[in-house]
Amino acid sequence: MVDTGAGNDWVRALPAELDGQRRLLTGLVAICERDDAIRWLVIGCSLSRGAGDRLSDLDVGMGVTDDRIDATIPRIRHAVDGLGDLVDSYHHLLGSVSGSHERIFAQYADRCQIDLVVLPASADAGAIRDVVVLYDPDGLVNVREERQAVAPGQAREWAFTAWCALADLGKYLRRGSVWEAHDRLGQARAEYWKLRALAARVPDPQYGITSILDFAAGTVAASATSTVSDLDPGRLLAAARRLADLLAAVGDDMPEQHRAALPAAMAAFVTADLAAADLAAGRGG
């Protein structure tokens, strides 16, 4: 059995800045304690790592007895709505999760937010990153410290997605569609941050810039600001070319197996395509 008071102790120990989050977490634990269908409650992400601030949302998971989950979810929705001065809430199914479950998001007037995923109690809550157990009277949650390594194929997918976004950017600039080009620039940069996080060996590189800022903020080069642009076509193109340079170089800091998996041919093609773009002359390059 697990000491169920440990969760309340962790909540009480949160700094004063997190009074709003403490109030909500205390309420969530109380929901668990009065509903015997709820068998565990965990929290992950910034608060569980000690990196949260007064604007951090609560990324929480809740396990419900498998054969009672469908009947229990409406009660949980109602209880979550009543935890504070509710602005609005939303519930839906996650495309990445199969079986009975629900995501409940609640926004409160003090800017606090709950992002709760309700799962069957048999689900592997220990796989949630940086998880802290708040309620688990049956000892069902097996917290694992090790993190799943990023496979070379995943690095290739991130890189290919980034290069495809830059290829689209060149296409949209040639068409004069600056909004679509701007959108693709942001998409490409988001994938670059994942690769940069992988190269910097930070935990959870799939979270990109979030993981970098949490674990290795000093690795963000000042030159990265040159990958940001407004809607001016020339500045968009310049930012895309700079991002292409960073993408092409990021593999240098990766393990050999990841570097070898990167799409070198796509990188060379898109880099040359962006270099050939001649927007001032109105040509496709």
Protein backbone atom coordinates (compact mmCIF):
# COMPACT_ATOMS: atom_id res chain seq x y z
CA MET A 1 0.00 0.00 0.00
CA VAL A 2 1.06 3.60 -0.64
CA ASP A 3 0.94 6.38 1.93
CA THR A 4 -1.91 8.45 0.47
CA GLY A 5 -0.94 11.38 2.66
CA ALA A 6 2.23 11.89 0.64
CA GLY A 7 0.29 13.51 -2.17
CA ASN A 8 -1.27 16.06 0.14
CA ASP A 9 2.14 16.74 1.67
CA TRP A 10 3.56 17.48 -1.81
CA VAL A 11 0.66 19.80 -2.57
CA ARG A 12 1.00 21.64 0.73
CA ALA A 13 4.72 22.16 0.09
CA LEU A 14 4.13 24.10 -3.13
CA PRO A 15 5.44 27.71 -2.95
CA ALA A 16 3.12 30.60 -2.17
CA GLU A 17 3.19 31.71 -5.80
CA LEU A 18 1.25 28.54 -6.62
CA ASP A 19 -1.64 29.11 -4.22
CA GLY A 20 -4.16 28.82 -7.07
CA GLN A 21 -2.72 25.54 -8.26
CA ARG A 22 -2.55 24.27 -4.67
CA ARG A 23 -6.25 24.97 -4.22
CA LEU A 24 -7.16 23.06 -7.36
CA LEU A 25 -4.89 20.11 -6.54
CA THR A 26 -6.30 19.89 -3.04
CA GLY A 27 -9.74 19.75 -4.60
CA LEU A 28 -8.70 17.05 -7.07
CA VAL A 29 -7.29 14.88 -4.29
CA ALA A 30 -10.53 15.38 -2.34
CA ILE A 31 -12.53 14.24 -5.39
CA CYS A 32 -10.47 11.05 -5.44
CA GLU A 33 -10.89 10.42 -1.73
CA ARG A 34 -14.68 10.62 -1.83
CA ASP A 35 -15.23 8.55 -5.00
CA ASP A 36 -14.18 4.92 -4.65
CA ALA A 37 -14.19 4.45 -8.43
CA ILE A 38 -11.14 6.73 -8.71
CA ARG A 39 -7.98 4.78 -7.94
CA TRP A 40 -5.10 7.14 -8.70
CA LEU A 41 -4.17 10.72 -9.48
CA VAL A 42 -0.83 11.91 -10.87
CA ILE A 43 0.60 15.20 -12.05
CA GLY A 44 3.29 15.73 -14.68
CA CYS A 45 5.13 18.39 -16.69
CA SER A 46 6.32 21.70 -15.24
CA LEU A 47 4.78 21.55 -11.76
CA SER A 48 6.00 18.02 -11.12
CA ARG A 49 9.52 19.06 -12.12
CA GLY A 50 9.47 22.08 -9.82
CA ALA A 51 9.56 24.43 -12.82
CA GLY A 52 6.02 25.79 -12.58
CA ASP A 53 4.93 29.35 -11.96
CA ARG A 54 1.62 31.06 -11.25
CA LEU A 55 0.62 30.72 -14.92
CA SER A 56 1.35 26.99 -15.21
CA ASP A 57 -1.56 24.71 -15.96
CA LEU A 58 -2.11 21.44 -14.13
CA ASP A 59 -1.30 18.48 -16.37
CA VAL A 60 -2.95 15.67 -14.46
CA GLY A 61 -4.01 12.10 -15.06
CA MET A 62 -6.70 10.22 -13.18
CA GLY A 63 -7.28 6.47 -13.14
CA VAL A 64 -10.79 5.07 -12.73
CA THR A 65 -11.76 1.44 -12.14
CA ASP A 66 -11.88 0.02 -15.65
CA ASP A 67 -15.46 -1.23 -15.68
CA ARG A 68 -16.80 1.96 -14.04
CA ILE A 69 -15.04 4.63 -16.09
CA ASP A 70 -17.92 5.49 -18.44
CA ALA A 71 -20.31 5.98 -15.53
CA THR A 72 -17.78 7.95 -13.48
CA ILE A 73 -16.56 10.46 -16.08
CA PRO A 74 -19.70 12.68 -15.91
CA ARG A 75 -19.25 12.96 -12.13
CA ILE A 76 -15.62 13.95 -12.59
CA ARG A 77 -16.55 16.62 -15.15
CA HIS A 78 -19.08 18.11 -12.75
CA ALA A 79 -16.64 18.03 -9.83
CA VAL A 80 -13.82 19.66 -11.83
CA ASP A 81 -16.15 22.44 -12.94
CA GLY A 82 -16.93 23.16 -9.31
CA LEU A 83 -13.33 23.49 -8.10
CA GLY A 84 -13.14 27.23 -8.71
CA ASP A 85 -14.67 30.26 -10.39
CA LEU A 86 -15.13 28.50 -13.73
CA VAL A 87 -14.92 30.45 -16.97
CA ASP A 88 -15.64 27.45 -19.18
CA SER A 89 -14.68 23.83 -19.69
CA TYR A 90 -14.37 21.40 -22.56
CA HIS A 91 -14.20 17.63 -22.80
CA HIS A 92 -13.33 15.37 -25.72
CA LEU A 93 -11.55 12.17 -26.75
CA LEU A 94 -7.88 12.12 -27.70
CA GLY A 95 -7.03 10.72 -31.10
CA SER A 96 -3.85 9.14 -29.75
CA VAL A 97 -5.64 7.20 -26.98
CA SER A 98 -7.81 4.15 -27.56
CA GLY A 99 -10.45 2.74 -25.27
CA SER A 100 -12.56 4.51 -22.68
CA HIS A 101 -11.04 7.83 -21.63
CA GLU A 102 -11.68 11.57 -21.71
CA ARG A 103 -9.70 14.80 -21.67
CA ILE A 104 -11.25 17.53 -19.52
CA PHE A 105 -9.93 21.07 -19.79
CA ALA A 106 -11.15 23.74 -17.38
CA GLN A 107 -10.33 27.46 -17.36
CA TYR A 108 -10.87 29.39 -14.14
CA ALA A 109 -11.21 33.13 -13.64
CA ASP A 110 -7.90 33.40 -11.71
CA ARG A 111 -6.10 32.14 -14.88
CA CYS A 112 -5.51 28.68 -13.40
CA GLN A 113 -6.20 25.76 -15.72
CA ILE A 114 -6.74 22.04 -15.32
CA ASP A 115 -5.80 19.74 -18.18
CA LEU A 116 -7.02 16.35 -16.97
CA VAL A 117 -6.98 13.03 -18.80
CA VAL A 118 -9.22 10.38 -17.24
CA LEU A 119 -8.04 6.84 -18.00
CA PRO A 120 -8.78 3.28 -16.90
CA ALA A 121 -7.01 2.51 -13.64
CA SER A 122 -5.10 -0.28 -15.42
CA ALA A 123 -3.38 2.29 -17.69
CA ASP A 124 0.35 2.80 -17.28
CA ALA A 125 0.44 6.10 -15.40
CA GLY A 126 4.14 5.65 -14.71
CA ALA A 127 4.84 6.39 -18.36
CA ILE A 128 3.71 10.01 -17.93
CA ARG A 129 6.80 12.20 -17.98
CA ASP A 130 8.10 13.51 -14.63
CA VAL A 131 5.08 12.12 -12.86
CA VAL A 132 4.37 12.80 -9.18
CA VAL A 133 1.80 10.54 -7.52
CA LEU A 134 -0.84 12.49 -5.60
CA TYR A 135 -3.26 9.67 -4.81
CA ASP A 136 -2.75 5.92 -5.14
CA PRO A 137 -4.10 3.91 -2.20
CA ASP A 138 -3.64 0.61 -4.04
CA GLY A 139 -0.09 1.20 -5.20
CA LEU A 140 -1.04 0.86 -8.87
CA VAL A 141 1.30 3.53 -10.24
CA ASN A 142 4.78 2.26 -11.03
CA VAL A 143 6.88 5.38 -11.51
CA ARG A 144 9.80 4.83 -13.88
CA GLU A 145 12.79 7.12 -13.93
CA GLU A 146 14.17 6.02 -17.27
CA ARG A 147 13.09 7.84 -20.41
CA GLN A 148 12.48 6.26 -23.77
CA ALA A 149 15.30 7.04 -26.17
CA VAL A 150 14.54 8.82 -29.45
CA ALA A 151 15.02 6.43 -32.34
CA PRO A 152 16.94 7.56 -35.44
CA GLY A 153 13.74 7.15 -37.45
CA GLN A 154 12.00 9.68 -35.22
CA ALA A 155 14.80 12.19 -35.77
CA ARG A 156 14.43 11.66 -39.51
CA GLU A 157 10.67 12.29 -39.28
CA TRP A 158 11.18 15.55 -37.39
CA ALA A 159 13.80 16.71 -39.88
CA PHE A 160 11.81 15.68 -42.95
CA THR A 161 8.75 17.48 -41.60
CA ALA A 162 10.82 20.62 -41.10
CA TRP A 163 12.27 20.50 -44.61
CA CYS A 164 8.83 19.90 -46.11
CA ALA A 165 7.52 22.97 -44.28
CA LEU A 166 10.38 25.05 -45.70
CA ALA A 167 9.70 23.68 -49.17
CA ASP A 168 6.09 24.78 -48.78
CA LEU A 169 7.26 28.19 -47.60
CA GLY A 170 9.19 28.68 -50.83
CA LYS A 171 6.14 27.66 -52.83
CA TYR A 172 3.83 30.04 -50.99
CA LEU A 173 6.25 32.95 -51.28
CA ARG A 174 6.40 32.42 -55.01
CA ARG A 175 2.61 32.55 -55.07
CA GLY A 176 2.57 35.68 -52.94
CA SER A 177 0.73 33.94 -50.08
CA VAL A 178 2.64 35.41 -47.14
CA TRP A 179 0.27 34.16 -44.43
CA GLU A 180 0.72 30.55 -45.51
CA ALA A 181 4.47 31.08 -45.80
CA HIS A 182 4.57 32.53 -42.29
CA ASP A 183 2.64 29.55 -40.96
CA ARG A 184 5.09 27.09 -42.52
CA LEU A 185 8.05 28.99 -41.08
CA GLY A 186 6.66 28.46 -37.58
CA GLN A 187 6.02 24.78 -38.27
CA ALA A 188 9.56 24.27 -39.53
CA ARG A 189 11.01 26.03 -36.49
CA ALA A 190 8.96 23.87 -34.11
CA GLU A 191 10.47 20.72 -35.66
CA TYR A 192 13.93 22.27 -35.55
CA TRP A 193 13.61 22.78 -31.79
CA LYS A 194 12.94 19.06 -31.36
CA LEU A 195 16.12 18.28 -33.25
CA ARG A 196 18.06 20.92 -31.32
CA ALA A 197 16.81 19.40 -28.07
CA LEU A 198 17.91 15.96 -29.23
CA ALA A 199 21.33 17.31 -30.16
CA ALA A 200 21.64 19.00 -26.75
CA ARG A 201 20.77 15.70 -24.99
CA VAL A 202 17.95 17.28 -22.99
CA PRO A 203 15.13 15.11 -21.62
CA ASP A 204 11.97 14.74 -23.69
CA PRO A 205 13.21 16.35 -26.91
CA GLN A 206 9.80 15.75 -28.48
CA TYR A 207 8.60 18.81 -26.56
CA GLY A 208 11.05 21.00 -28.45
CA ILE A 209 11.60 24.51 -27.16
CA THR A 210 9.77 23.74 -23.91
CA SER A 211 12.29 21.05 -22.99
CA ILE A 212 15.21 23.23 -24.09
CA LEU A 213 14.11 26.14 -21.91
CA ASP A 214 13.47 23.81 -18.98
CA PHE A 215 16.76 21.96 -19.12
CA ALA A 216 19.27 23.78 -21.34
CA ALA A 217 18.19 27.36 -21.95
CA GLY A 218 21.78 28.36 -22.53
CA THR A 219 21.92 26.30 -25.72
CA VAL A 220 19.50 28.62 -27.54
CA ALA A 221 21.79 30.59 -29.83
CA ALA A 222 21.19 34.31 -30.22
CA SER A 223 21.19 33.75 -33.98
CA ALA A 224 17.91 31.81 -33.63
CA THR A 225 16.10 35.16 -33.51
CA SER A 226 16.93 35.56 -37.19
CA THR A 227 14.55 32.70 -37.95
CA VAL A 228 11.60 34.87 -36.86
CA SER A 229 9.86 37.16 -39.34
CA ASP A 230 6.88 39.35 -39.96
CA LEU A 231 4.84 39.11 -43.16
CA ASP A 232 7.34 40.91 -45.38
CA PRO A 233 8.23 38.45 -48.21
CA GLY A 234 11.92 39.32 -48.22
CA ARG A 235 12.26 38.93 -44.48
CA LEU A 236 10.30 35.68 -44.57
CA LEU A 237 12.70 34.33 -47.17
CA ALA A 238 15.73 35.48 -45.18
CA ALA A 239 14.38 33.81 -42.02
CA ALA A 240 13.71 30.60 -43.95
CA ARG A 241 17.23 30.56 -45.35
CA ARG A 242 18.68 31.07 -41.87
CA LEU A 243 16.50 28.29 -40.46
CA ALA A 244 17.65 26.01 -43.29
CA ASP A 245 21.25 26.69 -42.26
CA LEU A 246 20.47 25.77 -38.65
CA LEU A 247 18.61 22.63 -39.71
CA ALA A 248 21.47 21.54 -41.90
CA ALA A 249 23.96 21.98 -39.05
CA VAL A 250 21.96 20.49 -36.18
CA GLY A 251 22.93 16.94 -37.04
CA ASP A 252 26.59 17.72 -36.34
CA ASP A 253 25.87 17.52 -32.61
CA MET A 254 23.84 14.30 -32.77
CA PRO A 255 24.96 10.71 -32.24
CA GLU A 256 26.15 9.11 -35.46
CA GLN A 257 23.11 6.87 -35.89
CA HIS A 258 20.76 9.86 -35.71
CA ARG A 259 22.92 12.00 -37.96
CA ALA A 260 23.02 9.25 -40.58
CA ALA A 261 19.22 9.02 -40.59
CA LEU A 262 18.66 12.69 -41.45
CA PRO A 263 17.29 13.42 -44.96
CA ALA A 264 20.42 14.86 -46.57
CA ALA A 265 19.00 14.87 -50.10
CA MET A 266 15.86 16.73 -49.02
CA ALA A 267 17.99 19.21 -47.08
CA ALA A 268 20.19 19.93 -50.10
CA PHE A 269 17.19 20.30 -52.41
CA VAL A 270 15.26 22.71 -50.17
CA THR A 271 18.33 24.76 -49.30
CA ALA A 272 19.10 25.22 -53.00
CA ASP A 273 15.47 25.98 -53.75
CA LEU A 274 15.34 28.74 -51.15
CA ALA A 275 18.65 30.14 -52.37
CA ALA A 276 17.26 30.31 -55.92
CA ALA A 277 14.10 32.18 -54.97
CA ASP A 278 14.10 35.68 -56.51
CA LEU A 279 11.09 37.40 -55.02
CA ALA A 280 12.13 40.93 -55.94
CA ALA A 281 12.01 40.00 -59.60
CA GLY A 282 8.79 38.08 -59.15
CA ARG A 283 10.35 34.90 -60.49
CA GLY A 284 10.07 31.38 -59.13
CA GLY A 285 13.82 30.83 -59.21
